[in-house]
Amino acid sequence: MKYSSGEQVRLGDLVRLGDASEGVVVCNIDADEYSLEYPKAQWSYLGRGVVVAFPKFGLIHYAQPEDDLVLVSRDV
């Protein structure tokens, strides 16, 4: 999956949804990448997309790119 900017979504990305709600990509199902807290055995059933953990909203699964989901930063 890619952001609307064209960049590929990666595990661990800090993202923003809408106005100022920030979260972290904890599963990238498309790339078969899962954080330790959200293992493949529990989340791969979603089939595709990414899962983002937001302190404000909880976990959100995106099967398709969302225009409001923007990359803020990533570890290189």
Protein backbone atom coordinates (compact mmCIF):
# COMPACT_ATOMS: atom_id res chain seq x y z
CA MET A 1 0.00 0.00 0.00
CA LYS A 2 1.14 3.54 -0.70
CA TYR A 3 0.32 6.89 0.84
CA SER A 4 -1.42 9.44 -1.37
CA SER A 5 2.04 11.03 -1.79
CA GLY A 6 3.19 7.86 -3.55
CA GLU A 7 5.54 6.62 -0.82
CA GLN A 8 5.31 2.99 0.24
CA VAL A 9 3.83 2.38 3.73
CA ARG A 10 6.36 0.71 6.06
CA LEU A 11 6.15 -0.96 9.44
CA GLY A 12 6.88 1.58 12.20
CA ASP A 13 5.90 4.66 10.20
CA LEU A 14 4.55 7.53 12.26
CA VAL A 15 1.40 8.70 10.49
CA ARG A 16 -1.25 11.37 10.90
CA LEU A 17 -4.94 10.94 10.24
CA GLY A 18 -6.85 14.07 9.40
CA ASP A 19 -6.23 17.07 11.63
CA ALA A 20 -3.68 15.98 14.23
CA SER A 21 -4.31 12.38 15.29
CA GLU A 22 -1.01 10.50 15.08
CA GLY A 23 -0.44 6.76 15.11
CA VAL A 24 2.08 4.06 14.21
CA VAL A 25 1.88 1.39 11.51
CA VAL A 26 1.98 -1.88 13.50
CA CYS A 27 1.18 -4.34 10.68
CA ASN A 28 1.90 -4.13 6.98
CA ILE A 29 0.05 -7.17 5.71
CA ASP A 30 0.89 -6.43 2.06
CA ALA A 31 4.62 -6.60 2.85
CA ASP A 32 4.25 -9.43 5.41
CA GLU A 33 5.66 -7.21 8.20
CA TYR A 34 4.33 -7.36 11.76
CA SER A 35 5.48 -5.75 15.00
CA LEU A 36 6.16 -7.92 18.04
CA GLU A 37 3.02 -6.62 19.75
CA TYR A 38 0.83 -7.46 16.72
CA PRO A 39 2.11 -10.81 15.35
CA LYS A 40 1.32 -12.34 11.99
CA ALA A 41 -0.58 -15.23 13.57
CA GLN A 42 -3.18 -12.80 14.93
CA TRP A 43 -3.43 -10.28 12.08
CA SER A 44 -2.69 -11.92 8.71
CA TYR A 45 -6.34 -13.07 8.46
CA LEU A 46 -7.16 -9.52 7.31
CA GLY A 47 -5.62 -10.48 3.97
CA ARG A 48 -4.26 -7.11 2.83
CA GLY A 49 -3.56 -3.53 3.83
CA VAL A 50 -2.07 -2.09 7.00
CA VAL A 51 -3.05 -1.74 10.66
CA VAL A 52 -2.35 1.52 12.47
CA ALA A 53 -2.43 1.99 16.25
CA PHE A 54 -3.82 5.39 17.23
CA PRO A 55 -3.84 6.43 20.89
CA LYS A 56 -7.04 8.39 20.22
CA PHE A 57 -8.93 5.80 18.10
CA GLY A 58 -7.31 2.44 18.82
CA LEU A 59 -6.46 0.06 15.99
CA ILE A 60 -7.66 0.86 12.47
CA HIS A 61 -7.28 -1.50 9.51
CA TYR A 62 -6.90 0.09 6.10
CA ALA A 63 -7.49 -2.32 3.22
CA GLN A 64 -7.20 0.55 0.73
CA PRO A 65 -5.14 3.75 0.83
CA GLU A 66 -6.81 6.63 2.66
CA ASP A 67 -6.20 10.18 1.44
CA ASP A 68 -6.26 11.50 5.03
CA LEU A 69 -3.50 9.11 6.15
CA VAL A 70 -0.20 10.98 5.81
CA LEU A 71 3.38 9.94 6.58
CA VAL A 72 4.87 12.13 9.34
CA SER A 73 8.22 10.36 9.84
CA ARG A 74 9.98 7.04 9.68
CA ASP A 75 13.17 5.52 11.07
CA VAL A 76 15.71 5.14 8.33
